Amino acid sequence: MLPSLRLGPVRASRIVPLATRRRFSSLDLFPDEPKKTSVHTDAVPGPKSKQISSRIDHIQDPRTHVMVVDYGASNGNFIVDADSNTLLDVFAQISSIALGYNPPPLLDLARSDDFVRAAINRPALGSFPPVKWAEWLEGGMLTVKPKGLQHLVTTLCGSSANETAFKAACMAYRARERGPGANFTKEEMESCMENKAPGSPNLSILSFQYGFHGRLFGSLSATRSKAIHKVDVPAFDWPAAPFPNIKYPLEENEAHNKAEEIRCLKAYEKILIDSKSTKPVAAVIIEPILSEGGDKHASPAFFRALRLIAKEHGVFFIVDEVQTGVGATGTFWAHEKWGLKEGEQPDFVTFSKKMQAAGVFHNLETRPNAPYRNYNTWMGDPMRAIQAKKMLEVIKSHNLVEHTRKTGDMLYSRLEDLFSGHPNVKALRGKNNGTFIAWDFSTPAERDRFLTRMRANGVQMGGCGDMSVRLRPTLTFGPSHAEILLEAIEKSLTEL
């Protein structure tokens, strides 16, 4: 068990410089990380987890609880629940933990003056930024800014990052229509207060079938993954383009997959053209891998074509890297694999989750033409910006993106061998995408039974879509963890 934050200073972090070791091990960061799992209740969640969830039921809805967690006892890649079960966690809080539980460098950071003061004096960043705000951003999140994007708006979460990008895109679209230096008309200023044109223009955001972009009103209108997210909620009448139904193995389905991508590109461009006379598309939003909708992939050429077609039609292009960003796919940003050339970069890249902070990278062209247009009280959180800065330092010093790429290559190969003897496992995907790996079962019930068996066998993992299982481990997940995972998968498959 790691020392509690209430017990004063912990020992200094044992960060081993990359140059002094041959290959990263999670023990470099987590010297006390468990070496194996331990489940001693009949099922997970166990009785204590269920009891605490029942208590929470009097205050909040607990029906989405997987387990109740003892975060003080969790360590590295292992999560400990209220019943003291120790599980290998390859879901990492829905892909939102970069390093693992209780990394000593972050525990040390939490005791620093900067972190404590940021925590207790939370500023309204848009109006009262701290003295070190530029320093924290320039030395942290801006060190990993996507190519071609120099500016950053910090936000509260992934949904708000996408909402911010939507607003900025619509503002930039109208500013371009007005022309340089043109101001708002009296009619625009008055009509927007009644939610009417021309002040509230009839613009739209195009998203894709199976895409997920959040659960706020605008982001939910662009979300197309599960009906339960959207039913009963008013929505903008925005278009959705088809996403390719790729077949696996890829090498056996080249003709089908190419034809499917061409079909979807044609339908996508037709929407952009047809919308111009009715509800112009101001921006397109796309995930590099459609994650919540079932880990759906397409070729780099498909994504590059999406970007070029948007550019041709004067439509802004938003890449939603909330789940794919920060190294999980073996490159820091997943869209780096698309082969975009100079001048083809996205107009916006949104992020959250593994960064532990959230925001939108963009360029000067898409900065609103007046203050307070993309503004709120918090505009992010300096405490999380400091945390992101420290995590990025650790990721770079340990070369964790490359570590994840190599681990993913090894794990994918082992899974191919393992699944060759299990006909109920289908569509293994994620090759050359780090540990961003997924596969399908024949029915949703079969998938859910598998996830239940995995928890009983000491591994916490998650699903997506209707029948898919996805891996979302931390960047410190390595070969030793992969062996535990593979053993549990094999055992769980035999128990289905």
Protein backbone atom coordinates (compact mmCIF):
# COMPACT_ATOMS: atom_id res chain seq x y z
CA MET A 1 0.00 0.00 0.00
CA LEU A 2 1.29 3.46 -0.88
CA PRO A 3 1.72 6.08 1.85
CA SER A 4 -1.34 8.26 2.42
CA LEU A 5 -1.24 11.91 1.39
CA ARG A 6 -2.03 12.74 5.03
CA LEU A 7 1.16 11.18 6.34
CA GLY A 8 3.56 13.88 5.16
CA PRO A 9 6.40 13.63 2.65
CA VAL A 10 7.10 10.38 0.83
CA ARG A 11 10.50 9.18 -0.24
CA ALA A 12 11.99 10.81 -3.31
CA SER A 13 10.83 9.44 -6.66
CA ARG A 14 13.08 6.76 -8.11
CA ILE A 15 13.09 7.93 -11.72
CA VAL A 16 15.82 6.07 -13.56
CA PRO A 17 17.15 8.17 -16.50
CA LEU A 18 16.52 6.56 -19.87
CA ALA A 19 20.21 6.57 -20.77
CA THR A 20 21.08 4.33 -17.81
CA ARG A 21 18.71 1.47 -18.63
CA ARG A 22 18.00 -0.76 -21.58
CA ARG A 23 14.21 -0.96 -21.38
CA PHE A 24 11.54 0.68 -19.28
CA SER A 25 9.88 -1.35 -16.54
CA SER A 26 6.94 -0.13 -14.46
CA LEU A 27 9.14 -0.82 -11.43
CA ASP A 28 11.21 2.20 -12.49
CA LEU A 29 8.25 4.33 -11.40
CA PHE A 30 6.40 1.95 -9.07
CA PRO A 31 8.97 -0.05 -7.06
CA ASP A 32 6.19 -1.50 -4.86
CA GLU A 33 3.78 -2.40 -7.66
CA PRO A 34 2.11 -5.81 -7.11
CA LYS A 35 3.47 -8.66 -9.18
CA LYS A 36 0.18 -10.54 -9.44
CA THR A 37 -3.54 -10.19 -9.00
CA SER A 38 -5.57 -11.38 -6.04
CA VAL A 39 -9.35 -11.91 -5.99
CA HIS A 40 -10.79 -13.48 -2.85
CA THR A 41 -14.50 -12.63 -3.14
CA ASP A 42 -16.91 -14.80 -5.11
CA ALA A 43 -17.44 -12.00 -7.63
CA VAL A 44 -16.33 -8.46 -8.38
CA PRO A 45 -17.88 -6.26 -7.12
CA GLY A 46 -17.77 -7.92 -3.73
CA PRO A 47 -19.99 -7.39 -0.68
CA LYS A 48 -18.25 -4.25 0.63
CA SER A 49 -18.37 -2.62 -2.81
CA LYS A 50 -22.06 -3.42 -3.06
CA GLN A 51 -22.72 -2.10 0.44
CA ILE A 52 -21.02 1.23 -0.32
CA SER A 53 -22.84 1.51 -3.65
CA SER A 54 -26.10 0.93 -1.80
CA ARG A 55 -25.26 3.81 0.53
CA ILE A 56 -24.41 6.04 -2.44
CA ASP A 57 -27.80 5.11 -3.92
CA HIS A 58 -29.44 7.42 -1.36
CA ILE A 59 -27.46 10.34 -2.84
CA GLN A 60 -26.57 9.49 -6.46
CA ASP A 61 -27.45 6.91 -9.08
CA PRO A 62 -25.02 3.96 -8.63
CA ARG A 63 -26.26 1.83 -11.52
CA THR A 64 -23.11 2.45 -13.57
CA HIS A 65 -20.76 1.40 -10.74
CA VAL A 66 -18.33 -1.37 -11.70
CA MET A 67 -16.69 -1.47 -8.29
CA VAL A 68 -15.89 0.85 -5.39
CA VAL A 69 -12.16 1.58 -5.31
CA ASP A 70 -9.61 2.04 -2.55
CA TYR A 71 -7.43 4.56 -4.36
CA GLY A 72 -4.97 4.81 -1.48
CA ALA A 73 -4.13 1.11 -1.83
CA SER A 74 -4.06 1.05 -5.66
CA ASN A 75 -0.55 1.06 -7.12
CA GLY A 76 0.80 1.38 -10.63
CA ASN A 77 -1.23 -0.75 -13.04
CA PHE A 78 -3.16 -2.47 -10.26
CA ILE A 79 -6.47 -1.28 -8.84
CA VAL A 80 -7.66 -2.35 -5.38
CA ASP A 81 -11.36 -2.42 -4.56
CA ALA A 82 -13.23 -1.93 -1.29
CA ASP A 83 -13.04 -5.69 -0.67
CA SER A 84 -9.21 -5.62 -0.99
CA ASN A 85 -9.26 -7.46 -4.32
CA THR A 86 -6.24 -6.52 -6.43
CA LEU A 87 -6.90 -6.42 -10.18
CA LEU A 88 -4.74 -5.56 -13.16
CA ASP A 89 -6.44 -2.49 -14.62
CA VAL A 90 -6.33 -2.33 -18.43
CA PHE A 91 -9.24 0.12 -18.62
CA ALA A 92 -7.53 2.87 -16.56
CA GLN A 93 -10.60 4.89 -15.63
CA ILE A 94 -11.99 4.80 -19.18
CA SER A 95 -8.57 5.50 -20.73
CA SER A 96 -7.92 8.53 -18.53
CA ILE A 97 -4.82 7.55 -16.51
CA ALA A 98 -1.48 8.00 -18.24
CA LEU A 99 1.03 6.64 -15.73
CA GLY A 100 -0.84 4.52 -13.19
CA TYR A 101 -2.16 4.83 -9.66
CA ASN A 102 -0.22 6.94 -7.17
CA PRO A 103 2.98 7.54 -9.16
CA PRO A 104 5.61 8.91 -6.75
CA PRO A 105 6.51 11.88 -9.02
CA LEU A 106 2.89 13.07 -8.83
CA LEU A 107 2.67 12.46 -5.08
CA ASP A 108 5.75 14.64 -4.71
CA LEU A 109 4.18 17.27 -6.97
CA ALA A 110 1.01 17.28 -4.85
CA ARG A 111 3.08 18.49 -1.89
CA SER A 112 4.70 21.35 -3.78
CA ASP A 113 3.79 24.96 -3.02
CA ASP A 114 2.65 25.58 -6.60
CA PHE A 115 0.25 22.63 -6.55
CA VAL A 116 -1.18 23.36 -3.10
CA ARG A 117 -1.77 27.03 -3.90
CA ALA A 118 -3.32 26.17 -7.26
CA ALA A 119 -5.64 23.75 -5.47
CA ILE A 120 -6.87 26.10 -2.75
CA ASN A 121 -6.86 29.37 -4.75
CA ARG A 122 -8.57 28.18 -7.90
CA PRO A 123 -8.65 31.20 -10.23
CA ALA A 124 -11.09 32.36 -12.86
CA LEU A 125 -8.38 31.81 -15.46
CA GLY A 126 -9.81 33.95 -18.24
CA SER A 127 -9.73 37.05 -16.05
CA PHE A 128 -7.25 36.36 -13.23
CA PRO A 129 -4.53 33.95 -14.42
CA PRO A 130 -1.70 33.15 -11.99
CA VAL A 131 1.75 34.63 -12.49
CA LYS A 132 3.14 31.28 -13.72
CA TRP A 133 0.26 30.42 -16.08
CA ALA A 134 2.22 30.97 -19.31
CA GLU A 135 5.22 29.16 -17.83
CA TRP A 136 3.11 26.13 -16.89
CA LEU A 137 1.50 25.91 -20.32
CA GLU A 138 4.69 26.56 -22.33
CA GLY A 139 6.62 24.00 -20.29
CA GLY A 140 3.77 21.49 -20.28
CA MET A 141 0.91 21.02 -22.73
CA LEU A 142 2.37 23.30 -25.40
CA THR A 143 5.46 21.07 -25.62
CA VAL A 144 3.23 18.46 -27.29
CA LYS A 145 1.11 20.80 -29.42
CA PRO A 146 0.06 19.18 -32.70
CA LYS A 147 1.94 20.33 -35.76
CA GLY A 148 0.67 23.64 -37.13
CA LEU A 149 -1.36 24.62 -34.04
CA GLN A 150 0.23 27.24 -31.82
CA HIS A 151 -2.63 28.31 -29.55
CA LEU A 152 -4.41 26.58 -26.66
CA VAL A 153 -7.72 27.07 -24.90
CA THR A 154 -7.91 25.13 -21.64
CA THR A 155 -11.28 23.66 -20.65
CA LEU A 156 -12.84 21.48 -17.96
CA CYS A 157 -13.34 18.14 -19.76
CA GLY A 158 -13.47 16.43 -23.15
CA SER A 159 -17.10 17.40 -23.79
CA SER A 160 -16.39 21.05 -23.05
CA ALA A 161 -13.28 20.91 -25.25
CA ASN A 162 -15.44 19.79 -28.17
CA GLU A 163 -18.11 22.39 -27.36
CA THR A 164 -15.39 25.06 -27.35
CA ALA A 165 -14.13 23.89 -30.74
CA PHE A 166 -17.68 23.93 -32.15
CA LYS A 167 -18.19 27.51 -31.00
CA ALA A 168 -14.82 28.68 -32.31
CA ALA A 169 -15.44 27.01 -35.67
CA CYS A 170 -18.86 28.64 -36.09
CA MET A 171 -17.47 32.04 -35.08
CA ALA A 172 -14.56 31.71 -37.51
CA TYR A 173 -16.89 30.54 -40.30
CA ARG A 174 -19.10 33.64 -39.91
CA ALA A 175 -16.12 35.97 -39.52
CA ARG A 176 -14.76 34.67 -42.82
CA GLU A 177 -18.13 35.28 -44.49
CA ARG A 178 -18.24 38.88 -43.21
CA GLY A 179 -14.72 39.61 -44.38
CA PRO A 180 -11.70 41.17 -42.67
CA GLY A 181 -12.50 43.83 -40.07
CA ALA A 182 -16.28 43.63 -40.48
CA ASN A 183 -18.24 44.03 -37.26
CA PHE A 184 -21.57 42.58 -36.15
CA THR A 185 -24.68 44.27 -37.50
CA LYS A 186 -27.43 45.64 -35.27
CA GLU A 187 -29.77 42.97 -36.69
CA GLU A 188 -27.33 40.20 -35.74
CA MET A 189 -26.94 41.48 -32.21
CA GLU A 190 -30.69 41.72 -31.67
CA SER A 191 -31.78 38.51 -33.42
CA CYS A 192 -29.30 36.30 -31.54
CA MET A 193 -31.07 37.20 -28.30
CA GLU A 194 -34.16 35.51 -29.73
CA ASN A 195 -32.19 32.51 -31.08
CA LYS A 196 -32.99 33.56 -34.62
CA ALA A 197 -31.01 34.28 -37.78
CA PRO A 198 -28.96 36.12 -38.79
CA GLY A 199 -27.45 36.45 -35.29
CA SER A 200 -27.99 32.74 -34.59
CA PRO A 201 -27.06 31.34 -38.01
CA ASN A 202 -28.36 28.07 -39.35
CA LEU A 203 -24.95 26.35 -39.33
CA SER A 204 -24.20 22.72 -38.53
CA ILE A 205 -21.45 20.40 -37.30
CA LEU A 206 -20.97 17.17 -39.25
CA SER A 207 -20.03 14.05 -37.32
CA PHE A 208 -19.92 10.36 -38.20
CA GLN A 209 -21.99 7.28 -37.52
CA TYR A 210 -20.72 5.58 -34.30
CA GLY A 211 -18.81 8.70 -33.22
CA PHE A 212 -18.78 9.87 -29.60
CA HIS A 213 -17.98 13.48 -28.70
CA GLY A 214 -19.54 14.03 -25.29
CA ARG A 215 -22.84 14.44 -23.45
CA LEU A 216 -23.39 18.22 -23.33
CA PHE A 217 -26.01 19.66 -25.69
CA GLY A 218 -23.79 20.48 -28.65
CA SER A 219 -21.40 17.57 -28.21
CA LEU A 220 -24.34 15.22 -27.65
CA SER A 221 -25.88 16.35 -30.94
CA ALA A 222 -22.65 15.20 -32.62
CA THR A 223 -22.56 11.91 -30.69
CA ARG A 224 -23.84 8.88 -32.64
CA SER A 225 -22.73 5.90 -30.57
CA LYS A 226 -25.55 4.77 -28.24
CA ALA A 227 -29.20 5.79 -28.14
CA ILE A 228 -29.26 5.76 -24.32
CA HIS A 229 -27.00 8.84 -24.35
CA LYS A 230 -29.40 10.83 -26.52
CA VAL A 231 -32.99 9.69 -26.04
CA ASP A 232 -35.38 12.37 -24.63
CA VAL A 233 -32.81 15.14 -25.10
CA PRO A 234 -33.48 17.92 -27.65
CA ALA A 235 -30.79 18.00 -30.34
CA PHE A 236 -29.52 20.19 -33.15
CA ASP A 237 -30.52 18.96 -36.59
CA TRP A 238 -26.94 18.22 -37.64
CA PRO A 239 -25.85 15.72 -40.31
CA ALA A 240 -24.07 12.41 -39.77
CA ALA A 241 -21.89 10.84 -42.46
CA PRO A 242 -21.39 7.07 -42.76
CA PHE A 243 -18.20 5.55 -41.39
CA PRO A 244 -16.57 2.59 -43.18
CA ASN A 245 -17.59 -0.89 -42.10
CA ILE A 246 -14.10 -2.36 -42.22
CA LYS A 247 -13.70 -6.13 -42.32
CA TYR A 248 -10.89 -8.09 -40.68
CA PRO A 249 -8.29 -9.46 -41.17
CA LEU A 250 -7.30 -6.42 -43.24
CA GLU A 251 -5.04 -8.33 -45.62
CA GLU A 252 -7.93 -10.62 -46.61
CA ASN A 253 -10.43 -7.80 -47.20
CA GLU A 254 -8.51 -5.13 -49.11
CA ALA A 255 -10.98 -4.82 -51.99
CA HIS A 256 -14.04 -4.60 -49.74
CA ASN A 257 -12.42 -2.10 -47.40
CA LYS A 258 -11.22 0.17 -50.20
CA ALA A 259 -14.66 0.19 -51.81
CA GLU A 260 -16.28 0.87 -48.44
CA GLU A 261 -14.03 3.86 -47.78
CA ILE A 262 -14.72 5.27 -51.25
CA ARG A 263 -18.48 4.87 -50.66
CA CYS A 264 -18.29 6.77 -47.37
CA LEU A 265 -16.11 9.54 -48.82
CA LYS A 266 -18.62 10.13 -51.61
CA ALA A 267 -21.52 10.28 -49.16
CA TYR A 268 -19.55 12.63 -46.91
CA GLU A 269 -18.74 15.07 -49.70
CA LYS A 270 -22.34 15.01 -50.92
CA ILE A 271 -23.50 16.11 -47.46
CA LEU A 272 -21.04 19.01 -47.50
CA ILE A 273 -22.22 20.11 -50.94
CA ASP A 274 -25.95 19.65 -50.36
CA SER A 275 -25.87 21.44 -46.99
CA LYS A 276 -24.55 24.71 -48.43
CA SER A 277 -27.98 25.90 -49.50
CA THR A 278 -29.83 24.84 -46.36
CA LYS A 279 -27.67 24.33 -43.26
CA PRO A 280 -23.99 24.92 -44.12
CA VAL A 281 -21.50 22.69 -42.35
CA ALA A 282 -19.15 24.94 -40.40
CA ALA A 283 -16.98 22.09 -39.10
CA VAL A 284 -16.40 18.35 -39.31
CA ILE A 285 -15.45 16.39 -36.19
CA ILE A 286 -13.84 12.94 -36.26
CA GLU A 287 -12.05 10.59 -33.86
CA PRO A 288 -8.93 8.86 -35.26
CA ILE A 289 -10.43 5.65 -33.84
CA LEU A 290 -14.16 5.74 -33.09
CA SER A 291 -13.77 4.56 -29.53
CA GLU A 292 -17.04 4.50 -27.58
CA GLY A 293 -18.86 3.44 -30.74
CA GLY A 294 -16.93 0.17 -30.91
CA ASP A 295 -13.26 0.95 -31.71
CA LYS A 296 -13.84 1.43 -35.42
CA HIS A 297 -10.84 2.00 -37.67
CA ALA A 298 -10.19 3.26 -41.18
CA SER A 299 -7.04 3.73 -43.24
CA PRO A 300 -4.77 6.79 -42.97
CA ALA A 301 -5.68 7.57 -46.59
CA PHE A 302 -9.37 7.75 -45.64
CA PHE A 303 -8.74 10.27 -42.85
CA ARG A 304 -6.44 12.36 -45.03
CA ALA A 305 -9.16 12.44 -47.70
CA LEU A 306 -11.69 13.61 -45.08
CA ARG A 307 -9.41 16.47 -44.18
CA LEU A 308 -8.68 17.48 -47.79
CA ILE A 309 -12.34 17.40 -48.80
CA ALA A 310 -13.26 19.58 -45.82
CA LYS A 311 -10.53 22.04 -46.79
CA GLU A 312 -11.74 22.13 -50.39
CA HIS A 313 -15.24 23.09 -49.25
CA GLY A 314 -14.14 25.69 -46.71
CA VAL A 315 -15.17 23.59 -43.71
CA PHE A 316 -13.14 23.60 -40.50
CA PHE A 317 -11.74 20.23 -39.39
CA ILE A 318 -11.76 19.09 -35.75
CA VAL A 319 -9.86 16.00 -34.61
CA ASP A 320 -11.24 14.65 -31.34
CA GLU A 321 -8.24 13.10 -29.55
CA VAL A 322 -9.92 12.96 -26.14
CA GLN A 323 -9.47 9.19 -25.95
CA THR A 324 -6.78 8.54 -28.57
CA GLY A 325 -4.30 11.24 -27.50
CA VAL A 326 -1.27 11.16 -25.19
CA GLY A 327 0.57 8.16 -26.52
CA ALA A 328 -1.90 5.29 -26.27
CA THR A 329 -1.70 4.47 -29.99
CA GLY A 330 2.10 4.47 -30.14
CA THR A 331 2.36 8.06 -31.38
CA PHE A 332 1.59 10.99 -29.10
CA TRP A 333 -1.37 12.03 -31.25
CA ALA A 334 -3.14 9.32 -33.23
CA HIS A 335 -3.66 11.60 -36.23
CA GLU A 336 0.12 11.74 -36.70
CA LYS A 337 -0.30 8.43 -38.56
CA TRP A 338 -2.39 10.02 -41.31
CA GLY A 339 0.56 11.46 -43.22
CA LEU A 340 -0.80 15.00 -43.36
CA LYS A 341 1.48 17.39 -45.23
CA GLU A 342 2.28 21.05 -44.57
CA GLY A 343 -0.94 23.03 -44.74
CA GLU A 344 -3.12 19.96 -44.20
CA GLN A 345 -3.07 19.95 -40.40
CA PRO A 346 -6.40 19.98 -38.53
CA ASP A 347 -7.88 23.34 -37.58
CA PHE A 348 -8.60 22.08 -34.06
CA VAL A 349 -7.38 19.16 -31.93
CA THR A 350 -9.31 18.48 -28.73
CA PHE A 351 -7.97 16.44 -25.81
CA SER A 352 -8.62 15.36 -22.22
CA LYS A 353 -8.49 11.97 -20.43
CA LYS A 354 -4.83 10.84 -20.23
CA MET A 355 -3.67 14.49 -20.17
CA GLN A 356 -5.66 14.85 -16.90
CA ALA A 357 -6.39 18.33 -18.23
CA ALA A 358 -8.53 19.30 -21.19
CA GLY A 359 -8.50 21.79 -24.01
CA VAL A 360 -8.36 22.73 -27.66
CA PHE A 361 -5.29 23.35 -29.78
CA HIS A 362 -5.96 25.75 -32.66
CA ASN A 363 -4.31 28.47 -34.74
CA LEU A 364 -4.64 32.25 -34.71
CA GLU A 365 -7.15 32.24 -37.57
CA THR A 366 -9.73 30.56 -35.34
CA ARG A 367 -9.31 32.80 -32.30
CA PRO A 368 -12.64 34.64 -31.79
CA ASN A 369 -12.68 38.24 -32.98
CA ALA A 370 -13.71 39.64 -29.58
CA PRO A 371 -13.16 38.79 -25.90
CA TYR A 372 -15.65 36.74 -23.85
CA ARG A 373 -16.76 34.73 -26.90
CA ASN A 374 -15.11 31.49 -25.72
CA TYR A 375 -15.05 32.12 -22.00
CA ASN A 376 -16.29 30.75 -18.69
CA THR A 377 -15.36 31.12 -15.03
CA TRP A 378 -12.79 28.34 -14.66
CA MET A 379 -11.50 27.79 -18.22
CA GLY A 380 -9.69 24.70 -17.02
CA ASP A 381 -7.79 24.20 -13.80
CA PRO A 382 -4.21 25.30 -13.04
CA MET A 383 -3.79 22.32 -10.68
CA ARG A 384 -4.45 19.96 -13.61
CA ALA A 385 -2.19 21.97 -15.91
CA ILE A 386 0.67 21.51 -13.42
CA GLN A 387 -0.15 17.82 -13.17
CA ALA A 388 -0.11 17.48 -16.97
CA LYS A 389 3.27 19.23 -17.09
CA LYS A 390 4.79 16.75 -14.63
CA MET A 391 3.27 13.74 -16.39
CA LEU A 392 4.62 14.90 -19.74
CA GLU A 393 8.08 15.21 -18.21
CA VAL A 394 7.85 11.60 -16.98
CA ILE A 395 6.48 10.36 -20.32
CA LYS A 396 9.41 11.95 -22.14
CA SER A 397 12.14 10.95 -19.66
CA HIS A 398 11.04 7.32 -19.84
CA ASN A 399 10.20 7.28 -23.56
CA LEU A 400 6.78 5.89 -22.68
CA VAL A 401 5.17 6.49 -26.07
CA GLU A 402 7.76 4.26 -27.74
CA HIS A 403 7.42 1.79 -24.87
CA THR A 404 3.68 1.64 -25.53
CA ARG A 405 4.24 1.13 -29.25
CA LYS A 406 6.55 -1.84 -28.65
CA THR A 407 4.32 -3.33 -25.95
CA GLY A 408 1.32 -3.03 -28.24
CA ASP A 409 3.11 -4.74 -31.12
CA MET A 410 4.05 -7.66 -28.89
CA LEU A 411 0.59 -7.91 -27.33
CA TYR A 412 -1.24 -7.80 -30.66
CA SER A 413 0.91 -10.64 -32.00
CA ARG A 414 0.24 -12.75 -28.90
CA LEU A 415 -3.49 -12.08 -29.11
CA GLU A 416 -3.53 -13.15 -32.77
CA ASP A 417 -2.06 -16.49 -31.74
CA LEU A 418 -4.38 -16.86 -28.76
CA PHE A 419 -7.58 -16.02 -30.63
CA SER A 420 -6.81 -18.32 -33.55
CA GLY A 421 -8.21 -21.16 -31.45
CA HIS A 422 -11.35 -19.33 -30.33
CA PRO A 423 -13.98 -18.92 -33.08
CA ASN A 424 -16.26 -16.86 -30.82
CA VAL A 425 -13.67 -14.03 -30.87
CA LYS A 426 -13.97 -11.86 -33.97
CA ALA A 427 -12.39 -8.85 -35.68
CA LEU A 428 -9.20 -8.38 -33.67
CA ARG A 429 -8.04 -4.87 -34.53
CA GLY A 430 -5.53 -2.23 -33.51
CA LYS A 431 -2.40 -3.53 -35.23
CA ASN A 432 0.33 -0.87 -35.22
CA ASN A 433 -1.76 1.25 -32.85
CA GLY A 434 0.09 0.68 -29.58
CA THR A 435 -2.11 -0.84 -26.90
CA PHE A 436 -5.26 0.59 -28.49
CA ILE A 437 -6.51 -2.93 -29.26
CA ALA A 438 -10.06 -4.30 -29.48
CA TRP A 439 -12.03 -7.35 -30.56
CA ASP A 440 -15.66 -8.48 -30.83
CA PHE A 441 -17.89 -11.25 -29.54
CA SER A 442 -20.94 -12.69 -31.27
CA THR A 443 -23.53 -11.09 -28.96
CA PRO A 444 -23.65 -8.32 -26.35
CA ALA A 445 -24.48 -10.92 -23.68
CA GLU A 446 -21.41 -12.97 -24.54
CA ARG A 447 -19.23 -9.85 -24.37
CA ASP A 448 -20.66 -8.92 -20.98
CA ARG A 449 -20.13 -12.43 -19.60
CA PHE A 450 -16.52 -12.26 -20.73
CA LEU A 451 -15.93 -8.96 -18.91
CA THR A 452 -17.48 -10.42 -15.75
CA ARG A 453 -15.21 -13.47 -15.96
CA MET A 454 -12.18 -11.22 -16.51
CA ARG A 455 -12.88 -9.37 -13.25
CA ALA A 456 -13.28 -12.68 -11.43
CA ASN A 457 -9.92 -13.68 -12.91
CA GLY A 458 -8.21 -10.52 -11.72
CA VAL A 459 -8.40 -8.09 -14.68
CA GLN A 460 -10.53 -4.98 -14.98
CA MET A 461 -11.25 -4.18 -18.62
CA GLY A 462 -14.00 -2.40 -20.50
CA GLY A 463 -16.31 -2.74 -23.43
CA CYS A 464 -17.43 -0.38 -26.17
CA GLY A 465 -20.09 -0.44 -28.84
CA ASP A 466 -22.51 -3.34 -28.52
CA MET A 467 -20.21 -6.36 -28.71
CA SER A 468 -16.63 -5.06 -28.44
CA VAL A 469 -13.93 -5.35 -25.81
CA ARG A 470 -11.24 -2.67 -25.70
CA LEU A 471 -7.85 -2.39 -24.04
CA ARG A 472 -6.97 1.00 -22.53
CA PRO A 473 -4.01 0.41 -20.20
CA THR A 474 -1.64 3.05 -18.94
CA LEU A 475 1.58 4.01 -20.74
CA THR A 476 3.56 2.08 -18.10
CA PHE A 477 1.81 -1.20 -18.97
CA GLY A 478 4.51 -3.62 -20.16
CA PRO A 479 5.37 -7.25 -20.93
CA SER A 480 4.91 -8.50 -17.36
CA HIS A 481 1.40 -7.05 -17.25
CA ALA A 482 0.68 -8.48 -20.70
CA GLU A 483 1.43 -11.98 -19.43
CA ILE A 484 -1.11 -11.57 -16.61
CA LEU A 485 -3.65 -10.22 -19.10
CA LEU A 486 -3.14 -13.02 -21.62
CA GLU A 487 -3.46 -15.72 -18.97
CA ALA A 488 -6.72 -14.19 -17.71
CA ILE A 489 -8.11 -13.87 -21.24
CA GLU A 490 -7.40 -17.50 -22.03
CA LYS A 491 -8.96 -18.65 -18.77
CA SER A 492 -12.04 -16.45 -19.19
CA LEU A 493 -12.65 -17.68 -22.73
CA THR A 494 -12.72 -21.27 -21.53
CA GLU A 495 -15.24 -20.31 -18.83
CA LEU A 496 -17.76 -18.67 -21.16
